Amino acid sequence: MDTGHFNCRDYYVSEDVAYSTAMSRDKVASRTSGVKEQIDAAKLFPFLQLPLEIRQQIYSYLLPTTTVRGSTHSMANMLPFGDPISRRGRSSGTLADVVWKRGQTSLLCISRQVHDECAALLYGSSPFILFVKYDTINFRYSFLIPCGLAPSKQYEFLDLVPPRYLSLIRQVVVTVDHPDSYTGMIKYNVGGKGLTHGLRNQVQKLVDALRPHSEDRSGINSIQVILINGNKFMDSEKRSIVRAKNNEYREDEEVQTVLEPMAELIHITNVKLEGALTQEFAQRLQERMAR
């Protein structure tokens, strides 16, 4: 019976066991060196030394991006302008067709430089579909799934996007929904001019978030604003007739004042104003936003 020894060197190791142990050690060492060579070879590729345009093209294959449902083209640097508006001011199917294609946001965790470049591309090249209501500013996130459907979720926009990323957004489509007095009393317990005042405050909150607070930030460069007048629609449905023109214009003049804070967003190259707006107000506001 082996009662043990005082030192491990006292054990006898046969030649065959010593040979197999040495061979196993050599195999492990060769595999480790092979992996190390592969890692060293990967480190040799100067990805960050490539031109920024090429790096952005590589990022675009991996990052989430927006597209028009049923189209193979990306919506980078493109807004759904020029589409007809229904009587309530809603775009005829265009906003519903803007969907997100999922991608890898883990790229933002690689390094500070890669994070900044990917964040600028992710937030700057895709239009954000926003809905401003009396009590919320929602971001509509519709995403494609393999079967072709596009489920949609609503998120509180200012809670979802941190302030440092808000300054990177370049394209927005904003639908401002002014409810009718009946809906306002039932849903918000507010009616009349109180609805207009509350909705204007929400527009001001959105403008404060999107407006650049320093000269080194460019801010929004393309915006589409759609104003929905719920009072006009409700009256038309109840009476089955359209109001007289002078009354319609007077009602639009009261509702359209909710968009006046938009004048604080300046230097915008592409401005589109639609919906329940008088032509004079839309033209004046568009000139102020583009100055």
C-alpha atoms as a PDB file:
ATOM      1  CA  MET A   1       0.000   0.000   0.000  1.00  0.00           C
ATOM      2  CA  ASP A   2       1.242   3.448  -0.955  1.00  0.00           C
ATOM      3  CA  THR A   3       1.559   5.454   2.230  1.00  0.00           C
ATOM      4  CA  GLY A   4       2.662   8.609   0.411  1.00  0.00           C
ATOM      5  CA  HIS A   5       5.952  10.390   0.154  1.00  0.00           C
ATOM      6  CA  PHE A   6       7.394  13.536   1.520  1.00  0.00           C
ATOM      7  CA  ASN A   7       7.883  15.076  -1.917  1.00  0.00           C
ATOM      8  CA  CYS A   8       6.020  14.718  -5.190  1.00  0.00           C
ATOM      9  CA  ARG A   9       9.360  14.207  -6.942  1.00  0.00           C
ATOM     10  CA  ASP A  10       9.627  10.852  -5.235  1.00  0.00           C
ATOM     11  CA  TYR A  11       6.843   9.433  -7.434  1.00  0.00           C
ATOM     12  CA  TYR A  12       7.950   7.359 -10.401  1.00  0.00           C
ATOM     13  CA  VAL A  13       6.485   8.240 -13.809  1.00  0.00           C
ATOM     14  CA  SER A  14       6.831   5.672 -16.569  1.00  0.00           C
ATOM     15  CA  GLU A  15       8.228   6.647 -19.969  1.00  0.00           C
ATOM     16  CA  ASP A  16       4.978   6.087 -21.896  1.00  0.00           C
ATOM     17  CA  VAL A  17       3.008   8.275 -19.494  1.00  0.00           C
ATOM     18  CA  ALA A  18       5.638  10.975 -19.676  1.00  0.00           C
ATOM     19  CA  TYR A  19       5.596  10.833 -23.482  1.00  0.00           C
ATOM     20  CA  SER A  20       1.783  11.086 -23.747  1.00  0.00           C
ATOM     21  CA  THR A  21       1.761  13.963 -21.256  1.00  0.00           C
ATOM     22  CA  ALA A  22       4.395  15.822 -23.260  1.00  0.00           C
ATOM     23  CA  MET A  23       2.454  15.251 -26.508  1.00  0.00           C
ATOM     24  CA  SER A  24      -0.761  16.561 -24.927  1.00  0.00           C
ATOM     25  CA  ARG A  25       1.086  19.630 -23.689  1.00  0.00           C
ATOM     26  CA  ASP A  26       2.486  20.235 -27.174  1.00  0.00           C
ATOM     27  CA  LYS A  27      -0.995  19.930 -28.736  1.00  0.00           C
ATOM     28  CA  VAL A  28      -2.433  22.438 -26.296  1.00  0.00           C
ATOM     29  CA  ALA A  29       0.474  24.783 -26.920  1.00  0.00           C
ATOM     30  CA  SER A  30       0.059  24.499 -30.700  1.00  0.00           C
ATOM     31  CA  ARG A  31      -3.668  25.182 -30.511  1.00  0.00           C
ATOM     32  CA  THR A  32      -3.102  28.148 -28.217  1.00  0.00           C
ATOM     33  CA  SER A  33      -0.462  29.558 -30.515  1.00  0.00           C
ATOM     34  CA  GLY A  34      -2.792  29.080 -33.512  1.00  0.00           C
ATOM     35  CA  VAL A  35      -5.574  31.019 -31.806  1.00  0.00           C
ATOM     36  CA  LYS A  36      -3.070  33.677 -30.783  1.00  0.00           C
ATOM     37  CA  GLU A  37      -1.871  33.970 -34.377  1.00  0.00           C
ATOM     38  CA  GLN A  38      -5.471  34.379 -35.574  1.00  0.00           C
ATOM     39  CA  ILE A  39      -6.118  37.087 -32.986  1.00  0.00           C
ATOM     40  CA  ASP A  40      -2.885  38.849 -33.928  1.00  0.00           C
ATOM     41  CA  ALA A  41      -3.823  38.632 -37.611  1.00  0.00           C
ATOM     42  CA  ALA A  42      -7.247  40.142 -36.864  1.00  0.00           C
ATOM     43  CA  LYS A  43      -5.624  42.949 -34.939  1.00  0.00           C
ATOM     44  CA  LEU A  44      -3.490  43.790 -37.921  1.00  0.00           C
ATOM     45  CA  PHE A  45      -6.493  44.885 -40.044  1.00  0.00           C
ATOM     46  CA  PRO A  46      -6.700  48.699 -39.750  1.00  0.00           C
ATOM     47  CA  PHE A  47     -10.487  49.034 -39.763  1.00  0.00           C
ATOM     48  CA  LEU A  48     -10.507  52.433 -38.053  1.00  0.00           C
ATOM     49  CA  GLN A  49      -8.015  53.692 -40.620  1.00  0.00           C
ATOM     50  CA  LEU A  50     -10.504  53.135 -43.439  1.00  0.00           C
ATOM     51  CA  PRO A  51     -12.271  56.228 -44.821  1.00  0.00           C
ATOM     52  CA  LEU A  52     -15.345  57.209 -42.826  1.00  0.00           C
ATOM     53  CA  GLU A  53     -17.633  56.613 -45.819  1.00  0.00           C
ATOM     54  CA  ILE A  54     -16.498  52.973 -46.075  1.00  0.00           C
ATOM     55  CA  ARG A  55     -16.919  52.409 -42.340  1.00  0.00           C
ATOM     56  CA  GLN A  56     -20.418  53.885 -42.508  1.00  0.00           C
ATOM     57  CA  GLN A  57     -21.272  51.565 -45.385  1.00  0.00           C
ATOM     58  CA  ILE A  58     -20.162  48.590 -43.294  1.00  0.00           C
ATOM     59  CA  TYR A  59     -22.147  49.840 -40.300  1.00  0.00           C
ATOM     60  CA  SER A  60     -25.258  50.228 -42.466  1.00  0.00           C
ATOM     61  CA  TYR A  61     -25.336  46.472 -43.132  1.00  0.00           C
ATOM     62  CA  LEU A  62     -25.523  45.763 -39.398  1.00  0.00           C
ATOM     63  CA  LEU A  63     -27.366  48.623 -37.692  1.00  0.00           C
ATOM     64  CA  PRO A  64     -31.179  48.974 -37.560  1.00  0.00           C
ATOM     65  CA  THR A  65     -32.583  51.153 -40.320  1.00  0.00           C
ATOM     66  CA  THR A  66     -35.940  52.305 -41.652  1.00  0.00           C
ATOM     67  CA  THR A  67     -37.505  51.331 -44.925  1.00  0.00           C
ATOM     68  CA  VAL A  68     -40.827  51.620 -46.716  1.00  0.00           C
ATOM     69  CA  ARG A  69     -42.818  48.443 -46.373  1.00  0.00           C
ATOM     70  CA  GLY A  70     -42.770  46.558 -49.650  1.00  0.00           C
ATOM     71  CA  SER A  71     -39.737  48.479 -50.910  1.00  0.00           C
ATOM     72  CA  THR A  72     -36.131  47.288 -51.051  1.00  0.00           C
ATOM     73  CA  HIS A  73     -34.717  50.806 -50.710  1.00  0.00           C
ATOM     74  CA  SER A  74     -33.623  52.335 -47.423  1.00  0.00           C
ATOM     75  CA  MET A  75     -35.165  55.607 -46.241  1.00  0.00           C
ATOM     76  CA  ALA A  76     -31.800  57.193 -45.497  1.00  0.00           C
ATOM     77  CA  ASN A  77     -31.919  60.903 -46.214  1.00  0.00           C
ATOM     78  CA  MET A  78     -35.520  60.602 -47.408  1.00  0.00           C
ATOM     79  CA  LEU A  79     -38.802  61.704 -45.886  1.00  0.00           C
ATOM     80  CA  PRO A  80     -42.259  60.664 -47.139  1.00  0.00           C
ATOM     81  CA  PHE A  81     -43.050  64.080 -48.605  1.00  0.00           C
ATOM     82  CA  GLY A  82     -45.498  64.803 -51.350  1.00  0.00           C
ATOM     83  CA  ASP A  83     -48.278  62.381 -50.435  1.00  0.00           C
ATOM     84  CA  PRO A  84     -51.936  63.373 -50.302  1.00  0.00           C
ATOM     85  CA  ILE A  85     -53.581  64.114 -46.969  1.00  0.00           C
ATOM     86  CA  SER A  86     -57.022  62.933 -46.007  1.00  0.00           C
ATOM     87  CA  ARG A  87     -59.700  65.209 -44.593  1.00  0.00           C
ATOM     88  CA  ARG A  88     -58.480  64.605 -41.025  1.00  0.00           C
ATOM     89  CA  GLY A  89     -54.945  65.542 -41.998  1.00  0.00           C
ATOM     90  CA  ARG A  90     -53.550  62.011 -41.876  1.00  0.00           C
ATOM     91  CA  SER A  91     -51.154  60.848 -44.534  1.00  0.00           C
ATOM     92  CA  SER A  92     -52.747  58.265 -46.825  1.00  0.00           C
ATOM     93  CA  GLY A  93     -50.836  55.155 -45.797  1.00  0.00           C
ATOM     94  CA  THR A  94     -47.331  56.628 -45.983  1.00  0.00           C
ATOM     95  CA  LEU A  95     -46.649  56.842 -42.255  1.00  0.00           C
ATOM     96  CA  ALA A  96     -47.987  53.341 -41.725  1.00  0.00           C
ATOM     97  CA  ASP A  97     -45.542  52.014 -44.332  1.00  0.00           C
ATOM     98  CA  VAL A  98     -42.422  53.301 -42.549  1.00  0.00           C
ATOM     99  CA  VAL A  99     -40.982  50.327 -40.651  1.00  0.00           C
ATOM    100  CA  TRP A 100     -37.708  49.471 -38.939  1.00  0.00           C
ATOM    101  CA  LYS A 101     -35.476  46.606 -39.986  1.00  0.00           C
ATOM    102  CA  ARG A 102     -33.831  45.131 -36.929  1.00  0.00           C
ATOM    103  CA  GLY A 103     -30.058  45.079 -36.576  1.00  0.00           C
ATOM    104  CA  GLN A 104     -27.152  44.850 -34.158  1.00  0.00           C
ATOM    105  CA  THR A 105     -27.003  47.725 -31.684  1.00  0.00           C
ATOM    106  CA  SER A 106     -24.173  45.939 -29.838  1.00  0.00           C
ATOM    107  CA  LEU A 107     -21.790  47.764 -32.192  1.00  0.00           C
ATOM    108  CA  LEU A 108     -22.186  50.790 -29.938  1.00  0.00           C
ATOM    109  CA  CYS A 109     -20.323  48.895 -27.181  1.00  0.00           C
ATOM    110  CA  ILE A 110     -17.080  48.284 -29.097  1.00  0.00           C
ATOM    111  CA  SER A 111     -15.253  51.565 -28.506  1.00  0.00           C
ATOM    112  CA  ARG A 112     -15.924  55.258 -28.104  1.00  0.00           C
ATOM    113  CA  GLN A 113     -15.096  56.051 -31.726  1.00  0.00           C
ATOM    114  CA  VAL A 114     -17.229  53.223 -33.118  1.00  0.00           C
ATOM    115  CA  HIS A 115     -20.034  54.208 -30.732  1.00  0.00           C
ATOM    116  CA  ASP A 116     -20.039  57.814 -31.940  1.00  0.00           C
ATOM    117  CA  GLU A 117     -19.960  56.836 -35.613  1.00  0.00           C
ATOM    118  CA  CYS A 118     -22.702  54.200 -35.258  1.00  0.00           C
ATOM    119  CA  ALA A 119     -24.913  56.470 -33.140  1.00  0.00           C
ATOM    120  CA  ALA A 120     -24.634  59.279 -35.688  1.00  0.00           C
ATOM    121  CA  LEU A 121     -25.624  56.874 -38.464  1.00  0.00           C
ATOM    122  CA  LEU A 122     -28.404  55.164 -36.503  1.00  0.00           C
ATOM    123  CA  TYR A 123     -30.147  58.337 -35.346  1.00  0.00           C
ATOM    124  CA  GLY A 124     -29.206  60.582 -38.253  1.00  0.00           C
ATOM    125  CA  SER A 125     -30.159  58.531 -41.296  1.00  0.00           C
ATOM    126  CA  SER A 126     -33.642  57.331 -40.294  1.00  0.00           C
ATOM    127  CA  PRO A 127     -36.859  59.370 -39.899  1.00  0.00           C
ATOM    128  CA  PHE A 128     -38.576  59.179 -36.518  1.00  0.00           C
ATOM    129  CA  ILE A 129     -42.374  59.016 -36.593  1.00  0.00           C
ATOM    130  CA  LEU A 130     -43.738  61.062 -33.663  1.00  0.00           C
ATOM    131  CA  PHE A 131     -47.288  61.715 -32.453  1.00  0.00           C
ATOM    132  CA  VAL A 132     -47.920  64.728 -30.233  1.00  0.00           C
ATOM    133  CA  LYS A 133     -51.098  64.566 -28.155  1.00  0.00           C
ATOM    134  CA  TYR A 134     -52.456  66.551 -25.247  1.00  0.00           C
ATOM    135  CA  ASP A 135     -50.662  64.426 -22.629  1.00  0.00           C
ATOM    136  CA  THR A 136     -47.930  62.518 -24.482  1.00  0.00           C
ATOM    137  CA  ILE A 137     -45.251  62.644 -27.158  1.00  0.00           C
ATOM    138  CA  ASN A 138     -45.121  59.137 -28.594  1.00  0.00           C
ATOM    139  CA  PHE A 139     -42.620  57.454 -30.878  1.00  0.00           C
ATOM    140  CA  ARG A 140     -44.184  54.805 -33.068  1.00  0.00           C
ATOM    141  CA  TYR A 141     -41.880  51.829 -33.541  1.00  0.00           C
ATOM    142  CA  SER A 142     -43.021  49.438 -36.280  1.00  0.00           C
ATOM    143  CA  PHE A 143     -40.617  46.597 -37.015  1.00  0.00           C
ATOM    144  CA  LEU A 144     -40.549  43.898 -39.666  1.00  0.00           C
ATOM    145  CA  ILE A 145     -40.694  40.241 -38.698  1.00  0.00           C
ATOM    146  CA  PRO A 146     -39.742  37.295 -40.968  1.00  0.00           C
ATOM    147  CA  CYS A 147     -43.347  36.526 -41.955  1.00  0.00           C
ATOM    148  CA  GLY A 148     -43.713  40.015 -43.449  1.00  0.00           C
ATOM    149  CA  LEU A 149     -45.942  41.524 -40.764  1.00  0.00           C
ATOM    150  CA  ALA A 150     -44.991  44.751 -38.994  1.00  0.00           C
ATOM    151  CA  PRO A 151     -46.122  44.915 -35.346  1.00  0.00           C
ATOM    152  CA  SER A 152     -46.224  48.398 -33.856  1.00  0.00           C
ATOM    153  CA  LYS A 153     -45.451  49.734 -30.395  1.00  0.00           C
ATOM    154  CA  GLN A 154     -45.824  53.164 -28.842  1.00  0.00           C
ATOM    155  CA  TYR A 155     -43.108  54.580 -26.591  1.00  0.00           C
ATOM    156  CA  GLU A 156     -42.823  57.839 -24.699  1.00  0.00           C
ATOM    157  CA  PHE A 157     -40.291  59.539 -26.940  1.00  0.00           C
ATOM    158  CA  LEU A 158     -38.456  61.751 -24.433  1.00  0.00           C
ATOM    159  CA  ASP A 159     -38.159  58.870 -21.946  1.00  0.00           C
ATOM    160  CA  LEU A 160     -36.940  56.425 -24.588  1.00  0.00           C
ATOM    161  CA  VAL A 161     -34.185  58.509 -26.227  1.00  0.00           C
ATOM    162  CA  PRO A 162     -31.501  60.028 -23.953  1.00  0.00           C
ATOM    163  CA  PRO A 163     -30.738  63.752 -24.473  1.00  0.00           C
ATOM    164  CA  ARG A 164     -27.287  63.095 -25.964  1.00  0.00           C
ATOM    165  CA  TYR A 165     -28.910  61.095 -28.777  1.00  0.00           C
ATOM    166  CA  LEU A 166     -31.713  63.605 -29.395  1.00  0.00           C
ATOM    167  CA  SER A 167     -29.150  65.996 -30.857  1.00  0.00           C
ATOM    168  CA  LEU A 168     -28.213  63.347 -33.465  1.00  0.00           C
ATOM    169  CA  ILE A 169     -31.709  63.070 -34.955  1.00  0.00           C
ATOM    170  CA  ARG A 170     -31.946  64.738 -38.363  1.00  0.00           C
ATOM    171  CA  GLN A 171     -35.333  63.674 -39.768  1.00  0.00           C
ATOM    172  CA  VAL A 172     -38.719  63.660 -38.059  1.00  0.00           C
ATOM    173  CA  VAL A 173     -42.347  63.283 -39.073  1.00  0.00           C
ATOM    174  CA  VAL A 174     -44.567  64.916 -36.431  1.00  0.00           C
ATOM    175  CA  THR A 175     -48.327  64.411 -36.295  1.00  0.00           C
ATOM    176  CA  VAL A 176     -49.992  66.903 -33.929  1.00  0.00           C
ATOM    177  CA  ASP A 177     -53.476  65.687 -32.997  1.00  0.00           C
ATOM    178  CA  HIS A 178     -55.818  68.362 -31.642  1.00  0.00           C
ATOM    179  CA  PRO A 179     -58.814  66.470 -30.169  1.00  0.00           C
ATOM    180  CA  ASP A 180     -62.370  67.678 -30.393  1.00  0.00           C
ATOM    181  CA  SER A 181     -63.990  69.218 -27.309  1.00  0.00           C
ATOM    182  CA  TYR A 182     -66.076  66.126 -26.561  1.00  0.00           C
ATOM    183  CA  THR A 183     -63.030  63.824 -26.567  1.00  0.00           C
ATOM    184  CA  GLY A 184     -61.103  66.369 -24.531  1.00  0.00           C
ATOM    185  CA  MET A 185     -63.739  66.451 -21.787  1.00  0.00           C
ATOM    186  CA  ILE A 186     -64.100  62.661 -21.681  1.00  0.00           C
ATOM    187  CA  LYS A 187     -60.404  61.764 -21.900  1.00  0.00           C
ATOM    188  CA  TYR A 188     -58.571  64.737 -20.397  1.00  0.00           C
ATOM    189  CA  ASN A 189     -61.331  66.614 -18.512  1.00  0.00           C
ATOM    190  CA  VAL A 190     -60.347  69.734 -20.467  1.00  0.00           C
ATOM    191  CA  GLY A 191     -62.185  71.525 -23.238  1.00  0.00           C
ATOM    192  CA  GLY A 192     -62.111  74.616 -25.394  1.00  0.00           C
ATOM    193  CA  LYS A 193     -58.955  76.721 -25.327  1.00  0.00           C
ATOM    194  CA  GLY A 194     -57.521  74.533 -22.569  1.00  0.00           C
ATOM    195  CA  LEU A 195     -56.970  71.767 -25.112  1.00  0.00           C
ATOM    196  CA  THR A 196     -55.130  74.140 -27.439  1.00  0.00           C
ATOM    197  CA  HIS A 197     -52.977  75.469 -24.606  1.00  0.00           C
ATOM    198  CA  GLY A 198     -52.050  71.981 -23.360  1.00  0.00           C
ATOM    199  CA  LEU A 199     -51.219  70.738 -26.836  1.00  0.00           C
ATOM    200  CA  ARG A 200     -49.081  73.808 -27.479  1.00  0.00           C
ATOM    201  CA  ASN A 201     -47.104  73.011 -24.311  1.00  0.00           C
ATOM    202  CA  GLN A 202     -46.416  69.509 -25.635  1.00  0.00           C
ATOM    203  CA  VAL A 203     -45.179  70.954 -28.932  1.00  0.00           C
ATOM    204  CA  GLN A 204     -42.940  73.336 -26.983  1.00  0.00           C
ATOM    205  CA  LYS A 205     -41.527  70.405 -24.994  1.00  0.00           C
ATOM    206  CA  LEU A 206     -40.686  68.554 -28.205  1.00  0.00           C
ATOM    207  CA  VAL A 207     -39.073  71.638 -29.734  1.00  0.00           C
ATOM    208  CA  ASP A 208     -36.927  72.174 -26.621  1.00  0.00           C
ATOM    209  CA  ALA A 209     -35.695  68.579 -26.879  1.00  0.00           C
ATOM    210  CA  LEU A 210     -34.882  68.704 -30.608  1.00  0.00           C
ATOM    211  CA  ARG A 211     -33.448  72.221 -30.705  1.00  0.00           C
ATOM    212  CA  PRO A 212     -29.622  72.322 -30.694  1.00  0.00           C
ATOM    213  CA  HIS A 213     -28.316  74.032 -27.551  1.00  0.00           C
ATOM    214  CA  SER A 214     -24.836  74.737 -28.886  1.00  0.00           C
ATOM    215  CA  GLU A 215     -23.358  75.975 -32.141  1.00  0.00           C
ATOM    216  CA  ASP A 216     -21.484  72.726 -32.842  1.00  0.00           C
ATOM    217  CA  ARG A 217     -24.744  70.773 -33.215  1.00  0.00           C
ATOM    218  CA  SER A 218     -26.664  70.998 -36.452  1.00  0.00           C
ATOM    219  CA  GLY A 219     -30.031  69.654 -35.265  1.00  0.00           C
ATOM    220  CA  ILE A 220     -32.982  68.779 -37.512  1.00  0.00           C
ATOM    221  CA  ASN A 221     -32.538  69.210 -41.265  1.00  0.00           C
ATOM    222  CA  SER A 222     -35.795  67.636 -42.529  1.00  0.00           C
ATOM    223  CA  ILE A 223     -39.208  67.842 -40.887  1.00  0.00           C
ATOM    224  CA  GLN A 224     -42.771  67.071 -41.872  1.00  0.00           C
ATOM    225  CA  VAL A 225     -45.561  68.371 -39.630  1.00  0.00           C
ATOM    226  CA  ILE A 226     -49.173  67.204 -39.964  1.00  0.00           C
ATOM    227  CA  LEU A 227     -51.824  69.015 -37.912  1.00  0.00           C
ATOM    228  CA  ILE A 228     -55.109  67.215 -37.273  1.00  0.00           C
ATOM    229  CA  ASN A 229     -58.147  69.277 -36.264  1.00  0.00           C
ATOM    230  CA  GLY A 230     -60.484  66.920 -34.442  1.00  0.00           C
ATOM    231  CA  ASN A 231     -63.161  69.615 -33.999  1.00  0.00           C
ATOM    232  CA  LYS A 232     -63.665  69.975 -37.717  1.00  0.00           C
ATOM    233  CA  PHE A 233     -63.950  66.252 -38.230  1.00  0.00           C
ATOM    234  CA  MET A 234     -66.388  65.790 -35.347  1.00  0.00           C
ATOM    235  CA  ASP A 235     -68.631  68.608 -36.523  1.00  0.00           C
ATOM    236  CA  SER A 236     -68.653  67.236 -40.044  1.00  0.00           C
ATOM    237  CA  GLU A 237     -69.613  63.774 -38.808  1.00  0.00           C
ATOM    238  CA  LYS A 238     -72.355  65.023 -36.503  1.00  0.00           C
ATOM    239  CA  ARG A 239     -74.053  67.330 -38.981  1.00  0.00           C
ATOM    240  CA  SER A 240     -73.182  65.394 -42.139  1.00  0.00           C
ATOM    241  CA  ILE A 241     -72.290  68.736 -43.750  1.00  0.00           C
ATOM    242  CA  VAL A 242     -69.195  70.858 -44.015  1.00  0.00           C
ATOM    243  CA  ARG A 243     -69.141  74.169 -42.205  1.00  0.00           C
ATOM    244  CA  ALA A 244     -69.147  77.428 -44.055  1.00  0.00           C
ATOM    245  CA  LYS A 245     -65.709  78.468 -45.321  1.00  0.00           C
ATOM    246  CA  ASN A 246     -65.369  81.454 -43.028  1.00  0.00           C
ATOM    247  CA  ASN A 247     -66.104  79.334 -39.949  1.00  0.00           C
ATOM    248  CA  GLU A 248     -63.610  76.672 -41.075  1.00  0.00           C
ATOM    249  CA  TYR A 249     -60.845  79.227 -41.494  1.00  0.00           C
ATOM    250  CA  ARG A 250     -61.619  80.790 -38.123  1.00  0.00           C
ATOM    251  CA  GLU A 251     -61.434  77.364 -36.459  1.00  0.00           C
ATOM    252  CA  ASP A 252     -58.156  76.505 -38.178  1.00  0.00           C
ATOM    253  CA  GLU A 253     -56.687  79.832 -37.116  1.00  0.00           C
ATOM    254  CA  GLU A 254     -57.354  78.947 -33.489  1.00  0.00           C
ATOM    255  CA  VAL A 255     -56.015  75.397 -33.717  1.00  0.00           C
ATOM    256  CA  GLN A 256     -52.927  76.146 -35.806  1.00  0.00           C
ATOM    257  CA  THR A 257     -51.438  78.294 -33.047  1.00  0.00           C
ATOM    258  CA  VAL A 258     -50.240  75.072 -31.369  1.00  0.00           C
ATOM    259  CA  LEU A 259     -47.487  74.955 -34.014  1.00  0.00           C
ATOM    260  CA  GLU A 260     -46.038  78.388 -33.247  1.00  0.00           C
ATOM    261  CA  PRO A 261     -43.207  76.936 -31.063  1.00  0.00           C
ATOM    262  CA  MET A 262     -41.956  75.180 -34.213  1.00  0.00           C
ATOM    263  CA  ALA A 263     -40.534  78.540 -35.329  1.00  0.00           C
ATOM    264  CA  GLU A 264     -37.689  77.995 -32.838  1.00  0.00           C
ATOM    265  CA  LEU A 265     -36.359  75.169 -35.028  1.00  0.00           C
ATOM    266  CA  ILE A 266     -34.308  77.050 -37.605  1.00  0.00           C
ATOM    267  CA  HIS A 267     -31.816  76.266 -40.409  1.00  0.00           C
ATOM    268  CA  ILE A 268     -34.006  73.391 -41.639  1.00  0.00           C
ATOM    269  CA  THR A 269     -33.432  72.689 -45.322  1.00  0.00           C
ATOM    270  CA  ASN A 270     -36.549  70.594 -45.923  1.00  0.00           C
ATOM    271  CA  VAL A 271     -39.827  71.723 -44.319  1.00  0.00           C
ATOM    272  CA  LYS A 272     -43.301  70.366 -45.076  1.00  0.00           C
ATOM    273  CA  LEU A 273     -46.426  71.608 -43.265  1.00  0.00           C
ATOM    274  CA  GLU A 274     -49.776  69.948 -43.904  1.00  0.00           C
ATOM    275  CA  GLY A 275     -53.218  69.460 -42.445  1.00  0.00           C
ATOM    276  CA  ALA A 276     -55.491  71.971 -40.707  1.00  0.00           C
ATOM    277  CA  LEU A 277     -53.437  75.069 -41.564  1.00  0.00           C
ATOM    278  CA  THR A 278     -54.223  78.214 -43.453  1.00  0.00           C
ATOM    279  CA  GLN A 279     -51.979  78.865 -46.402  1.00  0.00           C
ATOM    280  CA  GLU A 280     -50.686  82.135 -44.977  1.00  0.00           C
ATOM    281  CA  PHE A 281     -49.745  80.613 -41.613  1.00  0.00           C
ATOM    282  CA  ALA A 282     -48.048  77.604 -43.225  1.00  0.00           C
ATOM    283  CA  GLN A 283     -45.998  79.780 -45.553  1.00  0.00           C
ATOM    284  CA  ARG A 284     -44.940  82.156 -42.770  1.00  0.00           C
ATOM    285  CA  LEU A 285     -43.963  79.336 -40.409  1.00  0.00           C
ATOM    286  CA  GLN A 286     -42.085  77.505 -43.144  1.00  0.00           C
ATOM    287  CA  GLU A 287     -40.044  80.609 -43.940  1.00  0.00           C
ATOM    288  CA  ARG A 288     -39.159  81.101 -40.276  1.00  0.00           C
ATOM    289  CA  MET A 289     -38.046  77.477 -39.874  1.00  0.00           C
ATOM    290  CA  ALA A 290     -35.899  77.619 -43.017  1.00  0.00           C
ATOM    291  CA  ARG A 291     -34.189  80.935 -42.253  1.00  0.00           C
END
